[in-house]
């Protein structure tokens, strides 16, 4: 749960420091500008708040790894919810409004996570998880979206080493295979989720595991 807070804080700090001009640059998500991704983060923060106040009495059905559903085809950006996100982002008109809303609701989500009982069961999307497992799943969400946010912003701060390492470990569990030791954590995440294609050398190192990749989780890469 501490890693959730640190990953979320780091991601919000990058958004807070972005110049206005960067909001109309492309992100690492197909069809989304940086402002669209930031708007998606606002929606993510709302989801966290809703889930943390949705108690469940039944046994957990998912954990931090099985929380993720893997799809075989990449999203195109044409999904109705994706399109709605783009329209919502445009409605903010001024970047400072989007920054303010993310800081406001994002801070609330962060505080709620810090106050939550990790053993309490919560419901989301028809599934039940402990709060600790739910927040652990979001370490992967925050880390991937941090990489998406800075995909075309070379001067922006990267995710923390611990967030990258934990996200790689979760992705390897989802894939059912480990990435070669020669892959950095960042490269494992980018290649593993299709955010960039592997080089010929990397594909050779992946061997049979290459057939299981990429794993499409959340928003799709360019």
Protein backbone atom coordinates (compact mmCIF):
# COMPACT_ATOMS: atom_id res chain seq x y z
CA UNK A 1 0.00 0.00 0.00
CA UNK A 2 2.95 2.33 0.59
CA UNK A 3 4.11 1.66 -2.95
CA UNK A 4 0.66 2.58 -4.24
CA UNK A 5 0.96 5.95 -2.51
CA UNK A 6 4.49 6.61 -3.72
CA UNK A 7 3.69 5.62 -7.31
CA UNK A 8 0.54 7.74 -7.36
CA UNK A 9 2.28 10.72 -5.81
CA UNK A 10 5.11 10.53 -8.35
CA UNK A 11 2.69 10.36 -11.27
CA UNK A 12 0.68 13.33 -10.04
CA UNK A 13 3.86 15.31 -9.46
CA UNK A 14 4.82 14.89 -13.12
CA UNK A 15 1.40 16.16 -14.21
CA UNK A 16 1.62 19.11 -11.83
CA UNK A 17 4.93 20.16 -13.36
CA UNK A 18 3.95 19.90 -17.03
CA UNK A 19 4.02 23.10 -19.09
CA UNK A 20 0.72 23.91 -20.79
CA UNK A 21 2.18 23.07 -24.20
CA UNK A 22 2.82 19.47 -23.15
CA UNK A 23 -0.89 18.80 -22.65
CA UNK A 24 -1.43 18.71 -26.41
CA UNK A 25 1.51 16.44 -27.12
CA UNK A 26 0.83 12.76 -27.89
CA UNK A 27 0.88 10.29 -25.02
CA UNK A 28 1.82 6.63 -25.16
CA UNK A 29 -1.87 5.68 -25.54
CA UNK A 30 -3.40 5.25 -28.98
CA UNK A 31 -5.49 8.25 -29.95
CA UNK A 32 -4.86 10.12 -26.72
CA UNK A 33 -3.01 13.35 -26.11
CA UNK A 34 -1.40 13.96 -22.74
CA UNK A 35 -4.50 15.87 -21.65
CA UNK A 36 -6.67 12.85 -22.47
CA UNK A 37 -4.48 10.59 -20.37
CA UNK A 38 -4.59 13.06 -17.48
CA UNK A 39 -8.38 13.07 -17.74
CA UNK A 40 -8.28 9.26 -17.59
CA UNK A 41 -6.24 9.54 -14.39
CA UNK A 42 -9.01 11.68 -12.89
CA UNK A 43 -11.45 8.87 -13.72
CA UNK A 44 -9.04 6.33 -12.23
CA UNK A 45 -8.89 8.36 -9.01
CA UNK A 46 -12.69 8.39 -8.89
CA UNK A 47 -12.70 4.61 -9.32
CA UNK A 48 -10.29 4.23 -6.41
CA UNK A 49 -12.46 6.38 -4.16
CA UNK A 50 -15.63 4.51 -5.15
CA UNK A 51 -14.05 1.11 -4.62
CA UNK A 52 -12.59 1.97 -1.23
CA UNK A 53 -16.08 2.80 0.06
CA UNK A 54 -17.74 -0.25 -1.51
CA UNK A 55 -17.38 -2.98 1.14
CA UNK A 56 -17.94 -6.63 0.27
CA UNK A 57 -18.77 -9.53 2.57
CA UNK A 58 -17.95 -12.48 0.33
CA UNK A 59 -14.57 -14.15 -0.17
CA UNK A 60 -12.09 -12.47 -2.54
CA UNK A 61 -12.39 -13.55 -6.15
CA UNK A 62 -9.28 -11.76 -7.42
CA UNK A 63 -5.89 -10.56 -6.23
CA UNK A 64 -3.45 -7.94 -7.51
CA UNK A 65 -2.40 -10.13 -10.44
CA UNK A 66 -5.68 -11.79 -11.41
CA UNK A 67 -7.38 -8.38 -11.21
CA UNK A 68 -6.11 -7.80 -14.74
CA UNK A 69 -7.95 -9.13 -17.77
CA UNK A 70 -5.69 -9.58 -20.77
CA UNK A 71 -7.11 -8.95 -24.23
CA UNK A 72 -5.59 -10.29 -27.43
CA UNK A 73 -6.16 -7.24 -29.61
CA UNK A 74 -5.01 -3.71 -28.83
CA UNK A 75 -7.60 -1.02 -28.17
CA UNK A 76 -7.83 1.43 -31.05
CA UNK A 77 -9.01 4.50 -29.15
CA UNK A 78 -12.46 4.17 -30.77
CA UNK A 79 -14.12 2.52 -27.76
CA UNK A 80 -17.07 4.68 -26.54
CA UNK A 81 -15.48 5.20 -23.12
CA UNK A 82 -12.16 6.18 -24.70
CA UNK A 83 -13.97 8.63 -26.96
CA UNK A 84 -15.84 10.06 -23.97
CA UNK A 85 -12.53 10.60 -22.18
CA UNK A 86 -11.25 12.65 -25.12
CA UNK A 87 -14.38 14.82 -25.10
CA UNK A 88 -14.18 15.31 -21.35
CA UNK A 89 -10.54 16.33 -21.59
CA UNK A 90 -11.30 18.88 -24.30
CA UNK A 91 -14.09 20.33 -22.16
CA UNK A 92 -11.56 21.46 -19.56
CA UNK A 93 -10.22 23.95 -22.18
CA UNK A 94 -7.43 25.23 -19.91
CA UNK A 95 -4.68 22.89 -18.64
CA UNK A 96 -4.76 24.45 -15.17
CA UNK A 97 -8.33 23.24 -14.69
CA UNK A 98 -7.32 19.67 -15.48
CA UNK A 99 -4.28 19.94 -13.20
CA UNK A 100 -6.49 21.28 -10.41
CA UNK A 101 -9.08 18.52 -10.73
CA UNK A 102 -6.44 15.78 -10.74
CA UNK A 103 -4.72 17.31 -7.73
CA UNK A 104 -8.03 17.68 -5.90
CA UNK A 105 -9.52 14.25 -6.45
CA UNK A 106 -6.13 12.55 -6.74
CA UNK A 107 -5.08 13.82 -3.33
CA UNK A 108 -8.36 12.54 -1.88
CA UNK A 109 -7.79 9.10 -3.41
CA UNK A 110 -4.28 9.06 -1.99
CA UNK A 111 -5.50 9.95 1.51
CA UNK A 112 -8.27 7.35 1.34
CA UNK A 113 -5.72 4.69 0.40
CA UNK A 114 -3.45 5.63 3.31
CA UNK A 115 -6.37 5.37 5.75
CA UNK A 116 -7.75 2.10 4.38
CA UNK A 117 -7.59 -1.25 6.19
CA UNK A 118 -5.56 -3.53 3.88
CA UNK A 119 -7.52 -6.60 4.98
CA UNK A 120 -10.95 -5.12 4.34
CA UNK A 121 -12.77 -6.60 1.34
CA UNK A 122 -14.03 -4.28 -1.37
CA UNK A 123 -16.06 -4.79 -4.52
CA UNK A 124 -15.31 -3.51 -8.00
CA UNK A 125 -16.42 -4.56 -11.49
CA UNK A 126 -18.33 -7.49 -10.04
CA UNK A 127 -15.25 -8.85 -8.27
CA UNK A 128 -14.06 -8.87 -4.65
CA UNK A 129 -10.52 -8.12 -3.46
CA UNK A 130 -8.90 -7.15 -0.22
CA UNK A 131 -8.06 -3.47 -0.16
CA UNK A 132 -4.36 -4.28 -0.05
CA UNK A 133 -4.55 -6.42 -3.19
CA UNK A 134 -6.67 -3.83 -4.98
CA UNK A 135 -4.21 -1.04 -4.27
CA UNK A 136 -1.29 -3.28 -5.20
CA UNK A 137 -2.91 -3.85 -8.60
CA UNK A 138 -2.90 -0.10 -9.12
CA UNK A 139 0.88 0.07 -8.78
CA UNK A 140 0.97 -1.50 -12.24
CA UNK A 141 -1.69 0.93 -13.48
CA UNK A 142 0.17 3.98 -12.19
CA UNK A 143 3.54 2.78 -13.47
CA UNK A 144 2.31 1.99 -16.98
CA UNK A 145 0.45 5.28 -17.22
CA UNK A 146 3.50 7.12 -15.92
CA UNK A 147 5.42 5.63 -18.84
CA UNK A 148 2.56 6.59 -21.18
CA UNK A 149 2.54 10.14 -19.87
CA UNK A 150 6.24 10.72 -20.53
CA UNK A 151 6.47 8.72 -23.77
CA UNK A 152 7.16 11.92 -25.75
CA UNK A 153 8.42 14.06 -22.87
CA UNK A 154 12.10 13.14 -22.51
CA UNK A 155 12.76 15.66 -19.73
CA UNK A 156 9.99 14.40 -17.43
CA UNK A 157 10.79 12.26 -14.38
CA UNK A 158 10.43 8.50 -14.79
CA UNK A 159 8.63 6.10 -12.45
CA UNK A 160 10.56 5.00 -9.38
CA UNK A 161 12.84 1.98 -9.57
CA UNK A 162 10.74 0.14 -6.99
CA UNK A 163 7.52 0.83 -8.89
CA UNK A 164 9.08 -0.43 -12.12
CA UNK A 165 10.43 -3.55 -10.41
CA UNK A 166 7.12 -4.42 -8.74
CA UNK A 167 5.22 -3.81 -11.99
CA UNK A 168 7.61 -6.04 -13.90
CA UNK A 169 7.11 -8.80 -11.34
CA UNK A 170 3.33 -8.55 -11.67
CA UNK A 171 3.51 -8.53 -15.47
CA UNK A 172 5.68 -11.65 -15.40
CA UNK A 173 3.10 -13.36 -13.21
CA UNK A 174 0.34 -12.33 -15.61
CA UNK A 175 2.38 -13.61 -18.56
CA UNK A 176 3.38 -16.80 -16.79
CA UNK A 177 6.97 -16.25 -17.89
CA UNK A 178 9.95 -14.18 -16.82
CA UNK A 179 11.61 -11.62 -19.05
CA UNK A 180 15.31 -12.11 -19.75
CA UNK A 181 17.60 -10.69 -17.08
CA UNK A 182 19.17 -8.45 -19.73
CA UNK A 183 15.87 -6.53 -20.02
CA UNK A 184 15.63 -3.48 -17.81
CA UNK A 185 12.39 -3.23 -15.84
CA UNK A 186 11.25 -0.37 -18.06
CA UNK A 187 11.99 -2.28 -21.26
CA UNK A 188 10.22 -5.37 -19.91
CA UNK A 189 7.10 -3.30 -19.31
CA UNK A 190 7.24 -1.47 -22.63
CA UNK A 191 7.84 -4.61 -24.69
CA UNK A 192 5.62 -6.82 -22.56
CA UNK A 193 2.58 -4.57 -22.98
CA UNK A 194 3.23 -3.69 -26.61
CA UNK A 195 4.24 -0.14 -25.91
CA UNK A 196 7.18 -0.76 -28.17
CA UNK A 197 8.16 -3.65 -30.41
CA UNK A 198 11.12 -5.80 -29.36
CA UNK A 199 14.33 -5.55 -31.32
CA UNK A 200 15.50 -8.64 -33.17
CA UNK A 201 18.02 -9.28 -30.40
CA UNK A 202 15.35 -8.93 -27.72
CA UNK A 203 12.97 -11.23 -29.60
CA UNK A 204 15.71 -13.85 -29.80
CA UNK A 205 16.32 -13.54 -26.06
CA UNK A 206 12.62 -13.88 -25.33
CA UNK A 207 12.51 -17.18 -27.16
CA UNK A 208 9.22 -19.03 -26.73
CA UNK A 209 7.92 -16.33 -24.38
CA UNK A 210 7.70 -13.94 -27.35
CA UNK A 211 4.63 -15.86 -28.56
CA UNK A 212 2.73 -14.79 -25.41
CA UNK A 213 3.43 -11.11 -26.01
CA UNK A 214 2.29 -8.41 -26.05
CA UNK A 215 -0.18 -8.38 -23.19
CA UNK A 216 -2.68 -5.56 -23.62
CA UNK A 217 -3.63 -4.08 -20.26
CA UNK A 218 -5.48 -0.82 -19.83
CA UNK A 219 -4.96 1.81 -22.51
CA UNK A 220 -3.17 0.75 -25.66
CA UNK A 221 0.20 2.08 -26.82
CA UNK A 222 0.80 3.92 -30.03
